[in-house]
C-alpha atoms as a PDB file:
ATOM      1  CA  MET A   1       0.000   0.000   0.000  1.00  0.00           C
ATOM      2  CA  TRP A   2       1.314   3.439  -0.853  1.00  0.00           C
ATOM      3  CA  ALA A   3       0.076   6.999  -0.571  1.00  0.00           C
ATOM      4  CA  ARG A   4      -1.043   8.725  -3.733  1.00  0.00           C
ATOM      5  CA  GLY A   5      -1.756  12.365  -4.451  1.00  0.00           C
ATOM      6  CA  SER A   6      -1.294  13.647  -0.897  1.00  0.00           C
ATOM      7  CA  LEU A   7       1.140  15.894   0.920  1.00  0.00           C
ATOM      8  CA  TRP A   8       3.807  14.172   2.953  1.00  0.00           C
ATOM      9  CA  PRO A   9       2.820  13.825   6.618  1.00  0.00           C
ATOM     10  CA  LYS A  10       5.053  15.568   9.144  1.00  0.00           C
ATOM     11  CA  VAL A  11       6.647  14.720  12.456  1.00  0.00           C
ATOM     12  CA  ILE A  12       7.777  17.953  14.143  1.00  0.00           C
ATOM     13  CA  LEU A  13      10.548  18.067  16.741  1.00  0.00           C
ATOM     14  CA  PHE A  14      10.072  21.148  18.933  1.00  0.00           C
ATOM     15  CA  GLY A  15      12.605  21.829  21.667  1.00  0.00           C
ATOM     16  CA  ASP A  16      15.830  23.505  22.748  1.00  0.00           C
ATOM     17  CA  SER A  17      19.453  22.762  21.816  1.00  0.00           C
ATOM     18  CA  ILE A  18      19.071  19.056  22.584  1.00  0.00           C
ATOM     19  CA  THR A  19      16.547  19.028  19.747  1.00  0.00           C
ATOM     20  CA  GLN A  20      18.466  21.442  17.508  1.00  0.00           C
ATOM     21  CA  GLN A  21      21.521  19.172  17.720  1.00  0.00           C
ATOM     22  CA  SER A  22      19.473  16.030  17.077  1.00  0.00           C
ATOM     23  CA  PHE A  23      20.306  16.043  13.363  1.00  0.00           C
ATOM     24  CA  ASP A  24      24.058  15.933  14.055  1.00  0.00           C
ATOM     25  CA  ARG A  25      25.933  12.720  13.288  1.00  0.00           C
ATOM     26  CA  GLY A  26      24.494  10.043  15.562  1.00  0.00           C
ATOM     27  CA  GLY A  27      21.649  12.347  16.620  1.00  0.00           C
ATOM     28  CA  TRP A  28      18.287  11.058  17.800  1.00  0.00           C
ATOM     29  CA  GLY A  29      16.324  13.205  15.348  1.00  0.00           C
ATOM     30  CA  ALA A  30      18.316  11.959  12.375  1.00  0.00           C
ATOM     31  CA  ALA A  31      17.725   8.382  13.505  1.00  0.00           C
ATOM     32  CA  ILE A  32      13.985   9.013  13.725  1.00  0.00           C
ATOM     33  CA  ALA A  33      14.024  10.594  10.258  1.00  0.00           C
ATOM     34  CA  ASN A  34      15.825   7.542   8.901  1.00  0.00           C
ATOM     35  CA  ARG A  35      13.224   5.220  10.400  1.00  0.00           C
ATOM     36  CA  LEU A  36      10.421   7.214   8.770  1.00  0.00           C
ATOM     37  CA  VAL A  37      11.967   7.822   5.354  1.00  0.00           C
ATOM     38  CA  ARG A  38       9.394   7.450   2.547  1.00  0.00           C
ATOM     39  CA  LYS A  39       6.611   7.751   5.125  1.00  0.00           C
ATOM     40  CA  CYS A  40       6.821  11.354   6.333  1.00  0.00           C
ATOM     41  CA  ASP A  41       9.027  14.408   6.733  1.00  0.00           C
ATOM     42  CA  VAL A  42      10.735  14.845  10.090  1.00  0.00           C
ATOM     43  CA  LEU A  43      11.186  18.585  10.715  1.00  0.00           C
ATOM     44  CA  ASN A  44      13.749  19.835  13.231  1.00  0.00           C
ATOM     45  CA  ARG A  45      12.453  22.932  14.970  1.00  0.00           C
ATOM     46  CA  GLY A  46      14.949  22.944  17.815  1.00  0.00           C
ATOM     47  CA  LEU A  47      15.855  26.369  19.209  1.00  0.00           C
ATOM     48  CA  SER A  48      19.137  26.401  21.099  1.00  0.00           C
ATOM     49  CA  GLY A  49      18.988  28.257  24.406  1.00  0.00           C
ATOM     50  CA  TYR A  50      15.203  28.679  24.425  1.00  0.00           C
ATOM     51  CA  ASN A  51      13.010  28.178  27.454  1.00  0.00           C
ATOM     52  CA  THR A  52       9.270  27.447  27.486  1.00  0.00           C
ATOM     53  CA  LYS A  53       8.300  31.123  27.733  1.00  0.00           C
ATOM     54  CA  TRP A  54      10.063  31.962  24.490  1.00  0.00           C
ATOM     55  CA  ALA A  55       8.933  28.696  22.925  1.00  0.00           C
ATOM     56  CA  LEU A  56       5.297  29.444  23.659  1.00  0.00           C
ATOM     57  CA  SER A  57       5.688  32.891  22.075  1.00  0.00           C
ATOM     58  CA  VAL A  58       7.160  31.600  18.813  1.00  0.00           C
ATOM     59  CA  LEU A  59       5.105  28.403  18.550  1.00  0.00           C
ATOM     60  CA  PRO A  60       2.352  29.936  16.364  1.00  0.00           C
ATOM     61  CA  LYS A  61       5.052  31.010  13.901  1.00  0.00           C
ATOM     62  CA  ILE A  62       6.593  27.528  13.806  1.00  0.00           C
ATOM     63  CA  ILE A  63       3.571  25.235  13.791  1.00  0.00           C
ATOM     64  CA  THR A  64       0.594  26.709  11.990  1.00  0.00           C
ATOM     65  CA  GLN A  65      -2.880  25.435  11.170  1.00  0.00           C
ATOM     66  CA  PRO A  66      -2.414  22.377   8.928  1.00  0.00           C
ATOM     67  CA  ALA A  67      -3.388  23.101   5.319  1.00  0.00           C
ATOM     68  CA  ASN A  68      -5.934  21.054   3.398  1.00  0.00           C
ATOM     69  CA  GLN A  69      -4.850  17.398   3.157  1.00  0.00           C
ATOM     70  CA  GLU A  70      -1.755  18.127   5.251  1.00  0.00           C
ATOM     71  CA  THR A  71      -1.227  15.636   8.056  1.00  0.00           C
ATOM     72  CA  ILE A  72       0.688  16.203  11.269  1.00  0.00           C
ATOM     73  CA  ALA A  73       1.533  12.691  12.420  1.00  0.00           C
ATOM     74  CA  ALA A  74       3.215  13.722  15.676  1.00  0.00           C
ATOM     75  CA  VAL A  75       4.795  16.599  17.585  1.00  0.00           C
ATOM     76  CA  ILE A  76       7.666  15.926  19.985  1.00  0.00           C
ATOM     77  CA  VAL A  77       8.024  18.611  22.690  1.00  0.00           C
ATOM     78  CA  MET A  78      11.269  18.717  24.684  1.00  0.00           C
ATOM     79  CA  PHE A  79      12.001  21.699  26.930  1.00  0.00           C
ATOM     80  CA  GLY A  80      13.304  22.160  30.449  1.00  0.00           C
ATOM     81  CA  ALA A  81      17.094  22.112  30.261  1.00  0.00           C
ATOM     82  CA  ASN A  82      17.140  25.921  30.123  1.00  0.00           C
ATOM     83  CA  ASP A  83      14.053  26.625  32.230  1.00  0.00           C
ATOM     84  CA  SER A  84      15.787  24.814  35.110  1.00  0.00           C
ATOM     85  CA  ALA A  85      18.803  27.150  35.095  1.00  0.00           C
ATOM     86  CA  LEU A  86      19.414  28.741  38.506  1.00  0.00           C
ATOM     87  CA  LYS A  87      17.705  32.109  38.846  1.00  0.00           C
ATOM     88  CA  ASP A  88      20.525  33.798  40.789  1.00  0.00           C
ATOM     89  CA  ILE A  89      23.192  32.796  38.272  1.00  0.00           C
ATOM     90  CA  ASN A  90      21.289  32.541  35.000  1.00  0.00           C
ATOM     91  CA  PRO A  91      18.171  34.747  35.261  1.00  0.00           C
ATOM     92  CA  VAL A  92      17.925  35.147  31.478  1.00  0.00           C
ATOM     93  CA  GLN A  93      16.977  31.534  30.801  1.00  0.00           C
ATOM     94  CA  HIS A  94      15.447  30.603  34.159  1.00  0.00           C
ATOM     95  CA  ILE A  95      11.706  30.026  34.347  1.00  0.00           C
ATOM     96  CA  PRO A  96      10.036  29.321  37.719  1.00  0.00           C
ATOM     97  CA  LEU A  97       8.824  25.737  38.105  1.00  0.00           C
ATOM     98  CA  THR A  98       5.124  26.589  38.240  1.00  0.00           C
ATOM     99  CA  GLU A  99       5.402  28.840  35.184  1.00  0.00           C
ATOM    100  CA  TYR A 100       7.294  26.105  33.329  1.00  0.00           C
ATOM    101  CA  ALA A 101       4.388  23.741  33.941  1.00  0.00           C
ATOM    102  CA  GLU A 102       1.857  26.329  32.786  1.00  0.00           C
ATOM    103  CA  ASN A 103       3.885  27.013  29.649  1.00  0.00           C
ATOM    104  CA  LEU A 104       3.922  23.317  28.762  1.00  0.00           C
ATOM    105  CA  LYS A 105       0.153  23.250  29.204  1.00  0.00           C
ATOM    106  CA  GLY A 106      -0.003  26.295  26.935  1.00  0.00           C
ATOM    107  CA  VAL A 107       1.888  24.418  24.229  1.00  0.00           C
ATOM    108  CA  VAL A 108      -0.602  21.553  24.379  1.00  0.00           C
ATOM    109  CA  GLN A 109      -3.562  23.949  24.371  1.00  0.00           C
ATOM    110  CA  TYR A 110      -2.231  25.765  21.321  1.00  0.00           C
ATOM    111  CA  LEU A 111      -1.685  22.514  19.434  1.00  0.00           C
ATOM    112  CA  LYS A 112      -5.252  21.458  20.253  1.00  0.00           C
ATOM    113  CA  SER A 113      -6.515  24.829  18.982  1.00  0.00           C
ATOM    114  CA  ILE A 114      -5.094  24.052  15.541  1.00  0.00           C
ATOM    115  CA  ASP A 115      -6.502  20.510  15.534  1.00  0.00           C
ATOM    116  CA  ILE A 116      -3.382  18.671  16.649  1.00  0.00           C
ATOM    117  CA  CYS A 117      -4.942  16.509  19.327  1.00  0.00           C
ATOM    118  CA  GLU A 118      -3.366  15.050  22.451  1.00  0.00           C
ATOM    119  CA  ASP A 119      -2.760  11.610  20.957  1.00  0.00           C
ATOM    120  CA  LYS A 120      -0.325  13.151  18.461  1.00  0.00           C
ATOM    121  CA  VAL A 121       1.869  14.822  21.089  1.00  0.00           C
ATOM    122  CA  ILE A 122       4.809  13.328  22.999  1.00  0.00           C
ATOM    123  CA  MET A 123       6.579  15.252  25.754  1.00  0.00           C
ATOM    124  CA  VAL A 124      10.179  14.441  26.633  1.00  0.00           C
ATOM    125  CA  THR A 125      11.765  15.557  29.893  1.00  0.00           C
ATOM    126  CA  PRO A 126      15.256  17.059  29.962  1.00  0.00           C
ATOM    127  CA  PRO A 127      18.027  14.559  30.690  1.00  0.00           C
ATOM    128  CA  PRO A 128      19.794  14.572  34.057  1.00  0.00           C
ATOM    129  CA  LEU A 129      22.697  16.976  34.577  1.00  0.00           C
ATOM    130  CA  ASP A 130      26.306  15.934  35.177  1.00  0.00           C
ATOM    131  CA  GLU A 131      27.244  18.845  37.411  1.00  0.00           C
ATOM    132  CA  SER A 132      30.994  18.189  37.374  1.00  0.00           C
ATOM    133  CA  ALA A 133      31.250  18.207  33.579  1.00  0.00           C
ATOM    134  CA  TRP A 134      28.855  21.137  33.149  1.00  0.00           C
ATOM    135  CA  GLU A 135      30.695  23.187  35.767  1.00  0.00           C
ATOM    136  CA  LYS A 136      33.846  22.922  33.638  1.00  0.00           C
ATOM    137  CA  GLU A 137      31.885  24.262  30.661  1.00  0.00           C
ATOM    138  CA  CYS A 138      30.555  27.145  32.757  1.00  0.00           C
ATOM    139  CA  ILE A 139      33.983  28.061  34.139  1.00  0.00           C
ATOM    140  CA  ALA A 140      35.439  28.025  30.628  1.00  0.00           C
ATOM    141  CA  LYS A 141      32.821  30.637  29.685  1.00  0.00           C
ATOM    142  CA  GLY A 142      33.528  32.762  32.762  1.00  0.00           C
ATOM    143  CA  SER A 143      30.544  31.666  34.821  1.00  0.00           C
ATOM    144  CA  LYS A 144      29.797  29.576  37.883  1.00  0.00           C
ATOM    145  CA  LEU A 145      27.832  26.334  37.775  1.00  0.00           C
ATOM    146  CA  ASN A 146      24.377  27.519  36.693  1.00  0.00           C
ATOM    147  CA  ARG A 147      22.334  24.313  36.987  1.00  0.00           C
ATOM    148  CA  TYR A 148      21.870  21.536  39.552  1.00  0.00           C
ATOM    149  CA  ASN A 149      20.774  17.997  38.822  1.00  0.00           C
ATOM    150  CA  SER A 150      18.387  18.070  41.771  1.00  0.00           C
ATOM    151  CA  VAL A 151      16.608  21.040  40.175  1.00  0.00           C
ATOM    152  CA  THR A 152      16.558  19.393  36.748  1.00  0.00           C
ATOM    153  CA  ASN A 153      14.827  16.418  38.345  1.00  0.00           C
ATOM    154  CA  GLN A 154      12.122  18.729  39.712  1.00  0.00           C
ATOM    155  CA  TYR A 155      11.452  20.147  36.254  1.00  0.00           C
ATOM    156  CA  ALA A 156      11.403  16.674  34.747  1.00  0.00           C
ATOM    157  CA  ALA A 157       8.829  15.602  37.342  1.00  0.00           C
ATOM    158  CA  ALA A 158       6.734  18.666  36.509  1.00  0.00           C
ATOM    159  CA  CYS A 159       6.860  17.772  32.816  1.00  0.00           C
ATOM    160  CA  VAL A 160       5.652  14.250  33.560  1.00  0.00           C
ATOM    161  CA  LYS A 161       2.810  15.598  35.690  1.00  0.00           C
ATOM    162  CA  VAL A 162       1.690  18.032  32.967  1.00  0.00           C
ATOM    163  CA  ALA A 163       1.689  15.258  30.382  1.00  0.00           C
ATOM    164  CA  GLU A 164      -0.386  13.021  32.637  1.00  0.00           C
ATOM    165  CA  GLU A 165      -2.854  15.837  33.360  1.00  0.00           C
ATOM    166  CA  CYS A 166      -3.170  16.635  29.656  1.00  0.00           C
ATOM    167  CA  GLY A 167      -3.546  12.993  28.654  1.00  0.00           C
ATOM    168  CA  ILE A 168      -0.502  12.834  26.390  1.00  0.00           C
ATOM    169  CA  ASP A 169       2.427  10.437  26.119  1.00  0.00           C
ATOM    170  CA  VAL A 170       5.595  11.331  27.983  1.00  0.00           C
ATOM    171  CA  LEU A 171       9.142   9.985  27.917  1.00  0.00           C
ATOM    172  CA  ASP A 172      10.737  10.557  31.321  1.00  0.00           C
ATOM    173  CA  LEU A 173      14.297  10.649  30.049  1.00  0.00           C
ATOM    174  CA  CYS A 174      15.599  12.065  33.317  1.00  0.00           C
ATOM    175  CA  THR A 175      14.385   9.121  35.377  1.00  0.00           C
ATOM    176  CA  LEU A 176      15.254   6.468  32.795  1.00  0.00           C
ATOM    177  CA  MET A 177      18.877   7.593  32.608  1.00  0.00           C
ATOM    178  CA  GLN A 178      19.213   7.434  36.388  1.00  0.00           C
ATOM    179  CA  MET A 179      17.409   4.150  37.056  1.00  0.00           C
ATOM    180  CA  LYS A 180      19.095   1.646  39.361  1.00  0.00           C
ATOM    181  CA  ASN A 181      21.623   4.339  40.293  1.00  0.00           C
ATOM    182  CA  GLN A 182      23.401   3.858  36.977  1.00  0.00           C
ATOM    183  CA  ASP A 183      26.169   6.251  35.958  1.00  0.00           C
ATOM    184  CA  PHE A 184      24.387   8.487  33.468  1.00  0.00           C
ATOM    185  CA  CYS A 185      27.431  10.649  32.689  1.00  0.00           C
ATOM    186  CA  SER A 186      28.250   8.656  29.558  1.00  0.00           C
ATOM    187  CA  TYR A 187      24.901   9.729  28.100  1.00  0.00           C
ATOM    188  CA  LEU A 188      26.068  13.367  28.113  1.00  0.00           C
ATOM    189  CA  SER A 189      28.755  15.051  26.011  1.00  0.00           C
ATOM    190  CA  ASP A 190      29.378  18.088  28.196  1.00  0.00           C
ATOM    191  CA  GLY A 191      27.218  17.490  31.234  1.00  0.00           C
ATOM    192  CA  LEU A 192      24.087  18.985  29.667  1.00  0.00           C
ATOM    193  CA  HIS A 193      23.807  17.871  26.041  1.00  0.00           C
ATOM    194  CA  LEU A 194      23.580  14.305  24.788  1.00  0.00           C
ATOM    195  CA  SER A 195      26.529  12.198  23.721  1.00  0.00           C
ATOM    196  CA  GLU A 196      26.150   9.713  20.867  1.00  0.00           C
ATOM    197  CA  LYS A 197      25.251   7.069  23.450  1.00  0.00           C
ATOM    198  CA  GLY A 198      22.676   9.404  24.970  1.00  0.00           C
ATOM    199  CA  ASN A 199      21.185  10.135  21.559  1.00  0.00           C
ATOM    200  CA  THR A 200      20.812   6.422  20.904  1.00  0.00           C
ATOM    201  CA  PHE A 201      19.229   5.937  24.330  1.00  0.00           C
ATOM    202  CA  LEU A 202      16.692   8.698  23.707  1.00  0.00           C
ATOM    203  CA  GLU A 203      15.862   7.571  20.175  1.00  0.00           C
ATOM    204  CA  THR A 204      15.339   3.953  21.221  1.00  0.00           C
ATOM    205  CA  HIS A 205      12.877   4.858  23.968  1.00  0.00           C
ATOM    206  CA  LEU A 206      11.168   7.571  21.926  1.00  0.00           C
ATOM    207  CA  TRP A 207      10.610   5.256  18.986  1.00  0.00           C
ATOM    208  CA  ALA A 208       8.619   2.903  21.206  1.00  0.00           C
ATOM    209  CA  LEU A 209       6.098   5.742  21.636  1.00  0.00           C
ATOM    210  CA  LEU A 210       6.353   7.272  18.173  1.00  0.00           C
ATOM    211  CA  VAL A 211       5.913   4.033  16.244  1.00  0.00           C
ATOM    212  CA  LYS A 212       2.349   3.798  17.567  1.00  0.00           C
ATOM    213  CA  LYS A 213       1.574   7.154  15.939  1.00  0.00           C
ATOM    214  CA  THR A 214       3.231   6.417  12.598  1.00  0.00           C
ATOM    215  CA  GLU A 215       2.979   2.664  11.993  1.00  0.00           C
ATOM    216  CA  ARG A 216      -0.126   3.017   9.833  1.00  0.00           C
ATOM    217  CA  LEU A 217       1.416   5.590   7.521  1.00  0.00           C
ATOM    218  CA  PRO A 218       1.795   4.046   4.063  1.00  0.00           C
ATOM    219  CA  MET A 219       4.971   4.234   2.025  1.00  0.00           C
ATOM    220  CA  ILE A 220       4.901   7.274  -0.265  1.00  0.00           C
ATOM    221  CA  LEU A 221       5.073   6.340  -3.950  1.00  0.00           C
ATOM    222  CA  PRO A 222       5.392   2.716  -5.073  1.00  0.00           C
ATOM    223  CA  HIS A 223       8.428   0.520  -4.579  1.00  0.00           C
ATOM    224  CA  TRP A 224      10.654   0.613  -7.628  1.00  0.00           C
ATOM    225  CA  SER A 225       9.846  -3.027  -8.407  1.00  0.00           C
ATOM    226  CA  ASN A 226       6.196  -2.062  -8.850  1.00  0.00           C
ATOM    227  CA  VAL A 227       6.879   0.705 -11.371  1.00  0.00           C
ATOM    228  CA  ASP A 228       5.913  -0.106 -14.954  1.00  0.00           C
ATOM    229  CA  HIS A 229       9.232   0.572 -16.686  1.00  0.00           C
ATOM    230  CA  LEU A 230       7.573   0.742 -20.103  1.00  0.00           C
ATOM    231  CA  ASN A 231       4.935   3.221 -18.975  1.00  0.00           C
ATOM    232  CA  PRO A 232       6.098   4.739 -15.678  1.00  0.00           C
ATOM    233  CA  GLU A 233       3.455   7.473 -15.718  1.00  0.00           C
ATOM    234  CA  ALA A 234       0.799   4.825 -15.286  1.00  0.00           C
ATOM    235  CA  SER A 235       2.377   3.824 -11.977  1.00  0.00           C
ATOM    236  CA  PHE A 236       1.853   7.275 -10.481  1.00  0.00           C
ATOM    237  CA  PRO A 237      -1.872   8.055 -10.742  1.00  0.00           C
ATOM    238  CA  VAL A 238      -3.072  11.299  -9.219  1.00  0.00           C
END
């Protein structure tokens, strides 16, 4: 079975730098795109450094009302790594915990307002923070450590709670990477962002949720073996 005469469905990745970098070599977004090739377009709308307040402001410019016949198969929402920055040290990116939760709800409400329903949305929590490695990055940039893992865990828990209240799927990356007291540092490249191993970890767990939203999408255009080589136009009816 293959799709004929329709626009390519879309999976939209909406998040901060962990999303923006997801199309790098070994990135989780690139791996998802590879899994869905010939079924839909995977669009990277990651915004490095953004928090949920800024994300909510720009969302209507990034994801608009789907056009006729256009299908949004899924939207992945991943924010929190910047919201959880310490207010005293990084007030520019910091968002209070309660406001962070309200902003995530606002994202879901906006998506619903343009007919992207809850069953098409997946929230992903920020990963845990390796304070030692991230502190080195901060010092190199002339700053003090501006995030704590204990605070990141609070924001991750808030994300999970919002998802449950809104009735949408959630991937609790923060908890999964710390289960059974495992050393999660290898999942991070600099203490904050994902290493190649961390990207693989995220993609593997995310796919388990995303496949349910995309498994019924047909392949777009027929397999080459089904193309009439003598009359190829006949193989591509409108």
